[in-house]
Amino acid sequence: MARIVEIRLTGSGKQDALIRFEPGPNVVTGDSDTGKSYLLRLIDFILGAAELSKIIDEASGYDKGWLEMSDGLGNTLTLERHLTGGDVRAYNDTISNIVQQARSEGLDNLNDIEGGELLLWRRQGKSTASDITSKIFPFFGMPDDVQVRENADGKTQRLSIRTLLPIVLVDEEAIITEGSPVLRGGFAQTAEKRMFSYLLTGKDDRGVTRRDAREIVKARAQAKKDLIDELLIPLNTRLKDRIESEEDESIDRLGATIGSLSEALARNADERSRLRQQRSNIYNKLLKSETQISAVNGLLTRYALLQKRYDSDLMRLDFMAESANFYEGLQETVCPMCGQVLGEEDHDHSSDIKGVATADEIYAAASAEAAKIRGLQSDLKNTIEDLEEREAFWQQQKVISTSELKLIDGHLDEFLAPARTRVSNTLKELVEKRLELESARSDRLEAFRLNEIKNKLERELSESASRTTWAGLDPKAITDLCREIEAVLREWSWREEVRVEFQEDKFDIKVDGKLRRSHGKGFRAVMHAALSIAILKYCKKTHKPHPGFIVLDSPLTTVKQRSGQKAVVVPEKDRIRPIIEPMFWRSMSKIDPSIQIIILDNKEPPSNLQGALNVQLFAGPDAELGQRGGFIP
């Protein structure tokens, strides 16, 4: 954690106005209009305020404000800014060293100092250039790119030192405000709330899902609604004059009928398949019969020719046998070969013809051959008869097969095919009807779905604002913070049973059931101071992010006046109990030196505590010798 070491004003020809602070408690007390509140405004300005919100005559002639801080590890950060505004320059050195070095080089006008790092006093748009936050947050031990949600749509922004300052710098007006001690009001409240959550938990809003802006959401919703209206027009037209209950009943009946017809069609197909298989088998038998008949007829034809040949041979042999009987009755004649008279004598032509058979031999041979042929004829007859029987059998099989084929074809063509056609046509009509009804049902369901979406869109459009529910502050962290506030208040004289609650909708505290804003100015200031101090202590104890210091302006003084002025009567409701002030100082004197609390107040601590409180007195115009009149010499 860091602390403020020094605040300084410089100007050409002017004596430096400076004040230094120690670790732990610091009290700047004294008369009004001595520059106490100016110190807080100067810190605020150097840390990036658009302008110096408080101008005092005594500061005329000064042109630069300086703020030196230390992180407790030996590191120093000094920020310097011209009082007219503009960017900030950062140095890793003390103010004294920077100023002395410049003046030793003859640069009485410190505007001519070179070096340091130039920082934007505020980033513009999507700039990533170095600015005060990018320099000072790491010095505080915090990331320079902490993300906090800036609106209810989940858009995030980078946490800047400006959003954090209300927790650190509490001016004289904010400390008595009836508004939230955390929120400054305006359009940045979401970011300020998330900053407070970040301090309590150490977790930022990086990674939250952003939702589109409300105007874009409404425009999209309206476009969707218009599109749905267009989609509903043809649906409603098709559904006109249709009754949903009758459609459901019709679909159920059609389903049953289509099922029955499908089964009938399946049976028809099975029967046709069976008959086709049977017809194929019978047709194969018919082909076999015709093949057998054709083969038998071929054999019979050949055997008929053979029979004729046998008959011809028998007639020739019979002729030869008969010719032998007439041989003896032949007339005497001359041998055509030798010219001899043919008679009873042997007529030998052995020298010319050998092996001439006699008539008896010829007769015997012809008879033997005829007997053989007649045997073959008998066998042939038996074979022909057998073939004729086989032909008759296959002719009968052909007739049977032809008759069976005719019956099957008739059943297929005259019964099954027409039945199939009728069932198919009926089934097609019923399926088309069911599709029509199911299409109507689908249209009805789609119309219902679209109307549901339309109603939802209409509800979105009718809502004045659409809010995403975001998680609130961490309950445990809030509880622990409230216990820390209770401890501070007990140190300041509240009873042991004091009860503090955090009212999240108001972002303020309740003490013993009463909101801070319901009290008078005095109690509001004290409770605001207690909250600020408790936040610092809580962050220190739990190692949560915090700059490490706070500056409180007038936690005990509600009405300021200069010495010599007529006393202003403070209303009873705006006063604090007298015991609170001494208990407050005693508590401040025991502050852990690892944190820093700077009190700016007209009230002066008891003399016995001034050393422990590091008191610096601004005595004002009536300052005595050795006393400091104010911040500016």
Foldseek 3Di string as FASTA:
>chain_A
DKDWAKKWWAAQPADIQMDGDFFFFEEEAAAPPFCLLQVLLLVVQLLQDQASPDDDPLCPRTFKMKIWMALVPPWIKMWMATRGGWWIFIDRDDPVVQCVVCVVVVCSGCVPDDDGDTAGSDDDDPDPGHHSLCPVQVSLVHHSFFWAAQDLQRDIDGDGVNLVFLLFEQGLDLLLDLAFSQDPDDRRRRRSQQVLLCLLPVHHSPPTDGHDDLVVVLVVLVVLLVVLVVVVVVLCVLCPPPDLVVLVVLLVVLVVVLVVLVVVLVVLVVVLVVLVVVLVVLVVLLVVLVVLLVVLVVVLVVLVVVLVVLVVLLVVLVVLLVVLVCPVVDDWDADPVPRHIDDDDDDDPCVPDPDDDHSVVSNVVSVVVNVVSVVVVVVSVVVNVVSVVSNVVSVVSNVVSVVSSVVSVCCVPVPSVVVSVVSVVVSVVSVVVSVSSVVSVVSVVVSVVSVVSSVVSVVSNPDPDDGDDDDHRDVVSQVQLQVLLLVLVVLLPDDNPWGKHQDRVRRFIAIPNHTLSVAASLSSSLSSVSSSVSSLVSCVVVVRRDSQEHEREASHDSDRDGPPDDDDDDDPRNHDDPSRVQSNLVVSLPGDSSGYYYYYHNDDHDPVSCVSNNYAYQHAPPDDPPHHPHSRD
